[in-house]
């Protein structure tokens, strides 16, 4: 997890913002911090990639009656 001394958002904040980021509901400043954290954190970066892939997969499924 991210170092507590590190500036920017922390892993717990990242996890709370994940669904908003995937739904494209973060403002530009927050999104920038979110993306910076995902690029530098060994835990959160893969989490974001996997969550995004899962969301794209769900959206690709046909709706069932």
N, C-alpha and C. Protein backbone atom coordinates (compact mmCIF):
# COMPACT_ATOMS: atom_id res chain seq x y z
N UNK A 1 0.84 -1.18 0.00
CA UNK A 1 0.00 0.00 0.00
C UNK A 1 0.89 1.24 0.00
N UNK A 2 0.27 2.37 -0.28
CA UNK A 2 1.03 3.61 -0.42
C UNK A 2 1.61 4.04 0.92
N UNK A 3 2.70 4.72 0.86
CA UNK A 3 3.38 5.26 2.04
C UNK A 3 2.53 6.38 2.64
N UNK A 4 2.37 6.41 3.95
CA UNK A 4 1.55 7.43 4.60
C UNK A 4 2.12 8.83 4.45
N UNK A 5 3.40 8.97 4.23
CA UNK A 5 4.03 10.27 4.05
C UNK A 5 3.80 10.82 2.65
N UNK A 6 3.39 9.99 1.73
CA UNK A 6 3.24 10.36 0.33
C UNK A 6 2.10 11.35 0.15
N UNK A 7 2.31 12.36 -0.70
CA UNK A 7 1.26 13.33 -1.00
C UNK A 7 0.30 12.73 -2.01
N UNK A 8 -0.89 13.30 -2.10
CA UNK A 8 -1.90 12.78 -2.99
C UNK A 8 -2.82 11.84 -2.25
N UNK A 9 -3.65 11.15 -2.99
CA UNK A 9 -4.61 10.26 -2.35
C UNK A 9 -3.94 8.98 -1.87
N UNK A 10 -4.55 8.36 -0.89
CA UNK A 10 -4.05 7.10 -0.34
C UNK A 10 -4.91 5.95 -0.87
N UNK A 11 -4.48 4.74 -0.62
CA UNK A 11 -5.17 3.56 -1.14
C UNK A 11 -6.63 3.49 -0.71
N UNK A 12 -6.92 3.80 0.54
CA UNK A 12 -8.31 3.75 1.02
C UNK A 12 -9.18 4.75 0.25
N UNK A 13 -8.65 5.93 0.01
CA UNK A 13 -9.38 6.94 -0.77
C UNK A 13 -9.57 6.46 -2.21
N UNK A 14 -8.53 5.86 -2.76
CA UNK A 14 -8.58 5.33 -4.12
C UNK A 14 -9.72 4.32 -4.24
N UNK A 15 -9.80 3.41 -3.30
CA UNK A 15 -10.84 2.38 -3.33
C UNK A 15 -12.23 2.99 -3.23
N UNK A 16 -12.37 4.06 -2.44
CA UNK A 16 -13.67 4.73 -2.32
C UNK A 16 -14.05 5.44 -3.62
N UNK A 17 -13.06 5.93 -4.35
CA UNK A 17 -13.31 6.66 -5.59
C UNK A 17 -13.40 5.77 -6.82
N UNK A 18 -13.09 4.51 -6.69
CA UNK A 18 -12.99 3.61 -7.83
C UNK A 18 -14.26 3.58 -8.68
N UNK A 19 -15.41 3.41 -8.07
CA UNK A 19 -16.64 3.33 -8.87
C UNK A 19 -16.95 4.66 -9.54
N UNK A 20 -16.66 5.77 -8.86
CA UNK A 20 -16.88 7.08 -9.48
C UNK A 20 -15.95 7.29 -10.68
N UNK A 21 -14.74 6.82 -10.56
CA UNK A 21 -13.78 6.94 -11.66
C UNK A 21 -14.25 6.10 -12.85
N UNK A 22 -14.69 4.88 -12.59
CA UNK A 22 -15.17 4.02 -13.66
C UNK A 22 -16.42 4.58 -14.33
N UNK A 23 -17.24 5.29 -13.57
CA UNK A 23 -18.45 5.91 -14.11
C UNK A 23 -18.19 7.31 -14.68
N UNK A 24 -16.90 7.71 -14.66
CA UNK A 24 -16.46 9.02 -15.17
C UNK A 24 -17.17 10.17 -14.45
N UNK A 25 -17.24 10.09 -13.12
CA UNK A 25 -17.92 11.10 -12.32
C UNK A 25 -16.98 11.90 -11.42
N UNK A 26 -15.67 11.77 -11.62
CA UNK A 26 -14.72 12.54 -10.83
C UNK A 26 -14.40 13.84 -11.56
N UNK A 27 -14.25 14.93 -10.78
CA UNK A 27 -13.85 16.17 -11.41
C UNK A 27 -12.41 16.05 -11.88
N UNK A 28 -11.98 16.96 -12.73
CA UNK A 28 -10.67 16.82 -13.39
C UNK A 28 -9.50 16.80 -12.40
N UNK A 29 -9.56 17.60 -11.35
CA UNK A 29 -8.47 17.62 -10.37
C UNK A 29 -8.39 16.30 -9.61
N UNK A 30 -9.54 15.81 -9.18
CA UNK A 30 -9.59 14.54 -8.45
C UNK A 30 -9.19 13.39 -9.36
N UNK A 31 -9.66 13.42 -10.60
CA UNK A 31 -9.30 12.37 -11.56
C UNK A 31 -7.80 12.34 -11.79
N UNK A 32 -7.19 13.50 -11.87
CA UNK A 32 -5.74 13.57 -12.05
C UNK A 32 -5.00 12.91 -10.90
N UNK A 33 -5.41 13.18 -9.66
CA UNK A 33 -4.80 12.55 -8.49
C UNK A 33 -5.06 11.05 -8.48
N UNK A 34 -6.27 10.66 -8.83
CA UNK A 34 -6.65 9.25 -8.90
C UNK A 34 -5.76 8.51 -9.89
N UNK A 35 -5.61 9.08 -11.09
CA UNK A 35 -4.78 8.45 -12.12
C UNK A 35 -3.32 8.39 -11.72
N UNK A 36 -2.84 9.45 -11.08
CA UNK A 36 -1.44 9.45 -10.62
C UNK A 36 -1.22 8.33 -9.62
N UNK A 37 -2.16 8.15 -8.70
CA UNK A 37 -2.02 7.08 -7.71
C UNK A 37 -2.05 5.72 -8.39
N UNK A 38 -2.96 5.55 -9.37
CA UNK A 38 -3.06 4.24 -10.04
C UNK A 38 -1.78 3.91 -10.81
N UNK A 39 -1.08 4.92 -11.29
CA UNK A 39 0.18 4.68 -12.02
C UNK A 39 1.34 4.33 -11.11
N UNK A 40 1.27 4.77 -9.86
CA UNK A 40 2.42 4.58 -8.97
C UNK A 40 2.22 3.51 -7.89
N UNK A 41 0.99 3.09 -7.66
CA UNK A 41 0.73 2.13 -6.59
C UNK A 41 0.65 0.71 -7.15
N UNK A 42 1.45 -0.17 -6.60
CA UNK A 42 1.50 -1.56 -7.07
C UNK A 42 0.23 -2.33 -6.73
N UNK A 43 -0.56 -1.85 -5.78
CA UNK A 43 -1.82 -2.52 -5.43
C UNK A 43 -3.00 -1.94 -6.19
N UNK A 44 -3.08 -0.63 -6.24
CA UNK A 44 -4.25 0.03 -6.82
C UNK A 44 -4.23 0.07 -8.35
N UNK A 45 -3.06 0.12 -8.95
CA UNK A 45 -2.98 0.13 -10.41
C UNK A 45 -3.63 -1.09 -11.03
N UNK A 46 -3.24 -2.30 -10.61
CA UNK A 46 -3.88 -3.51 -11.14
C UNK A 46 -5.37 -3.60 -10.78
N UNK A 47 -5.74 -3.11 -9.60
CA UNK A 47 -7.14 -3.12 -9.19
C UNK A 47 -7.98 -2.29 -10.17
N UNK A 48 -7.49 -1.12 -10.54
CA UNK A 48 -8.20 -0.24 -11.47
C UNK A 48 -8.32 -0.90 -12.85
N UNK A 49 -7.26 -1.50 -13.30
CA UNK A 49 -7.27 -2.17 -14.61
C UNK A 49 -8.28 -3.33 -14.61
N UNK A 50 -8.26 -4.14 -13.56
CA UNK A 50 -9.17 -5.28 -13.47
C UNK A 50 -10.63 -4.85 -13.33
N UNK A 51 -10.86 -3.82 -12.54
CA UNK A 51 -12.24 -3.32 -12.37
C UNK A 51 -12.76 -2.75 -13.69
N UNK A 52 -11.92 -2.04 -14.41
CA UNK A 52 -12.31 -1.50 -15.71
C UNK A 52 -12.62 -2.60 -16.70
N UNK A 53 -11.80 -3.63 -16.71
CA UNK A 53 -12.03 -4.76 -17.62
C UNK A 53 -13.33 -5.48 -17.26
N UNK A 54 -13.60 -5.63 -15.99
CA UNK A 54 -14.83 -6.26 -15.55
C UNK A 54 -16.06 -5.46 -15.94
N UNK A 55 -15.98 -4.14 -15.80
CA UNK A 55 -17.08 -3.28 -16.20
C UNK A 55 -17.33 -3.35 -17.70
N UNK A 56 -16.27 -3.32 -18.49
CA UNK A 56 -16.42 -3.44 -19.95
C UNK A 56 -17.04 -4.79 -20.32
N UNK A 57 -16.64 -5.86 -19.61
CA UNK A 57 -17.21 -7.18 -19.87
C UNK A 57 -18.70 -7.19 -19.56
N UNK A 58 -19.08 -6.62 -18.40
CA UNK A 58 -20.49 -6.58 -18.03
C UNK A 58 -21.32 -5.81 -19.06
N UNK A 59 -20.79 -4.70 -19.54
CA UNK A 59 -21.50 -3.89 -20.53
C UNK A 59 -21.62 -4.61 -21.88
N UNK A 60 -20.74 -5.57 -22.13
CA UNK A 60 -20.78 -6.27 -23.41
C UNK A 60 -21.79 -7.41 -23.42
N UNK A 61 -22.28 -7.81 -22.26
CA UNK A 61 -23.24 -8.91 -22.19
C UNK A 61 -24.60 -8.48 -22.72
N UNK A 62 -25.28 -9.41 -23.36
CA UNK A 62 -26.61 -9.14 -23.85
C UNK A 62 -27.60 -9.16 -22.69
N UNK A 63 -28.57 -8.29 -22.74
CA UNK A 63 -29.59 -8.24 -21.69
C UNK A 63 -30.52 -9.44 -21.85
N UNK A 64 -30.89 -10.04 -20.73
CA UNK A 64 -31.75 -11.21 -20.73
C UNK A 64 -33.15 -10.79 -20.26
N UNK A 65 -34.16 -11.34 -20.92
CA UNK A 65 -35.54 -11.01 -20.52
C UNK A 65 -35.99 -11.84 -19.35
